[in-house]
Protein backbone atom coordinates (compact mmCIF):
# COMPACT_ATOMS: atom_id res chain seq x y z
CA UNK A 1 0.00 0.33 -0.06
CA UNK A 2 0.81 2.83 -1.23
CA UNK A 3 0.04 6.43 0.87
CA UNK A 4 0.68 10.57 0.85
CA UNK A 5 1.38 10.44 4.48
CA UNK A 6 1.05 14.97 4.24
CA UNK A 7 -3.02 13.69 3.82
CA UNK A 8 -3.45 12.90 7.14
CA UNK A 9 -3.10 16.93 8.37
CA UNK A 10 -4.75 17.54 11.53
CA UNK A 11 -6.76 14.43 11.69
CA UNK A 12 -3.14 12.75 12.36
CA UNK A 13 -4.50 13.98 15.64
CA UNK A 14 -8.26 12.76 15.88
CA UNK A 15 -9.77 12.06 18.66
CA UNK A 16 -12.31 8.78 17.76
CA UNK A 17 -14.79 10.17 20.41
CA UNK A 18 -14.72 12.51 22.90
CA UNK A 19 -15.37 11.45 26.47
CA UNK A 20 -18.62 11.42 27.27
CA UNK A 21 -21.96 9.24 27.28
CA UNK A 22 -23.28 8.70 23.68
CA UNK A 23 -26.21 6.51 22.88
CA UNK A 24 -24.79 3.87 20.61
CA UNK A 25 -25.90 0.79 18.74
CA UNK A 26 -23.95 -2.73 18.29
CA UNK A 27 -23.82 -3.18 14.86
CA UNK A 28 -21.93 -5.89 14.47
CA UNK A 29 -21.63 -8.78 16.61
CA UNK A 30 -19.90 -11.90 15.87
CA UNK A 31 -18.49 -14.93 17.01
CA UNK A 32 -14.66 -16.03 17.66
CA UNK A 33 -11.98 -16.98 19.77
CA UNK A 34 -9.54 -14.50 21.74
CA UNK A 35 -5.60 -15.53 21.51
CA UNK A 36 -5.90 -17.18 24.59
CA UNK A 37 -8.43 -20.39 22.91
CA UNK A 38 -11.63 -18.42 25.66
CA UNK A 39 -14.91 -17.52 23.67
CA UNK A 40 -15.65 -13.83 22.73
CA UNK A 41 -17.95 -11.70 21.32
CA UNK A 42 -16.51 -9.36 19.04
CA UNK A 43 -18.77 -6.16 19.02
CA UNK A 44 -19.04 -2.97 16.63
CA UNK A 45 -20.43 -0.38 18.55
CA UNK A 46 -21.20 3.04 16.60
CA UNK A 47 -22.21 6.31 18.30
CA UNK A 48 -23.09 9.80 16.89
CA UNK A 49 -19.78 11.86 17.58
CA UNK A 50 -20.17 15.18 17.88
CA UNK A 51 -19.17 16.66 14.62
CA UNK A 52 -22.80 14.39 13.77
CA UNK A 53 -21.02 11.82 11.60
CA UNK A 54 -20.66 7.95 12.59
CA UNK A 55 -17.88 6.12 14.51
CA UNK A 56 -17.68 2.67 15.16
CA UNK A 57 -15.08 1.25 17.59
CA UNK A 58 -14.55 -2.32 18.97
CA UNK A 59 -15.43 -3.91 21.86
CA UNK A 60 -14.60 -7.13 23.28
CA UNK A 61 -16.99 -9.64 25.62
CA UNK A 62 -14.05 -12.14 26.17
CA UNK A 63 -15.78 -15.09 28.47
CA UNK A 64 -13.26 -15.70 31.60
CA UNK A 65 -13.37 -14.86 35.32
CA UNK A 66 -12.21 -12.22 35.21
CA UNK A 67 -14.41 -10.58 32.57
CA UNK A 68 -17.20 -12.02 33.69
CA UNK A 69 -18.08 -7.87 35.04
CA UNK A 70 -17.70 -6.76 31.61
CA UNK A 71 -20.83 -9.68 30.34
CA UNK A 72 -22.30 -8.49 33.00
CA UNK A 73 -22.41 -4.40 32.16
CA UNK A 74 -23.18 -5.10 28.81
CA UNK A 75 -26.28 -7.83 29.75
CA UNK A 76 -28.04 -4.63 32.03
CA UNK A 77 -27.00 -1.40 30.00
CA UNK A 78 -28.63 -3.39 26.60
CA UNK A 79 -31.81 -4.87 28.27
CA UNK A 80 -29.96 -8.71 28.78
CA UNK A 81 -30.45 -9.72 32.05
CA UNK A 82 -31.78 -12.19 30.77
CA UNK A 83 -29.33 -14.01 29.17
CA UNK A 84 -26.64 -13.10 32.06
CA UNK A 85 -28.89 -14.76 34.45
CA UNK A 86 -28.74 -17.66 32.27
CA UNK A 87 -25.21 -17.65 31.72
CA UNK A 88 -25.55 -18.10 27.79
CA UNK A 89 -25.33 -14.61 25.30
CA UNK A 90 -25.59 -15.34 21.47
CA UNK A 91 -24.88 -13.12 18.45
CA UNK A 92 -28.19 -12.55 18.17
CA UNK A 93 -28.27 -11.52 21.59
CA UNK A 94 -26.48 -8.18 21.36
CA UNK A 95 -26.10 -7.41 17.06
CA UNK A 96 -29.28 -4.05 17.29
CA UNK A 97 -29.76 -3.31 20.86
CA UNK A 98 -29.38 -0.03 21.26
CA UNK A 99 -27.77 1.31 24.51
CA UNK A 100 -25.38 4.60 26.46
CA UNK A 101 -22.46 4.57 26.96
CA UNK A 102 -19.43 6.44 28.25
CA UNK A 103 -16.14 7.37 27.06
CA UNK A 104 -13.31 7.83 28.65
């Protein structure tokens, strides 16, 4: 791949999403296996940047004892408490969920 480094301009210091609370939507969810062999769901999260354009970030829900708190927080925020309590979360449960997220 070739490119002109001068094209980066001011965007080289671009902040993807400034700190704040955002309405977000899970636009994609995909089951994968982590590098350490754990089950995980990769979430593609879309929020609206304060400048008006859509912005995507990625997050991971990994099935390890140390990360279950993150799965719980996601499920609580997305209205998926029943799925959390059952110990089973699918990509179909996640995709299309709308919730609020704090970026800091």
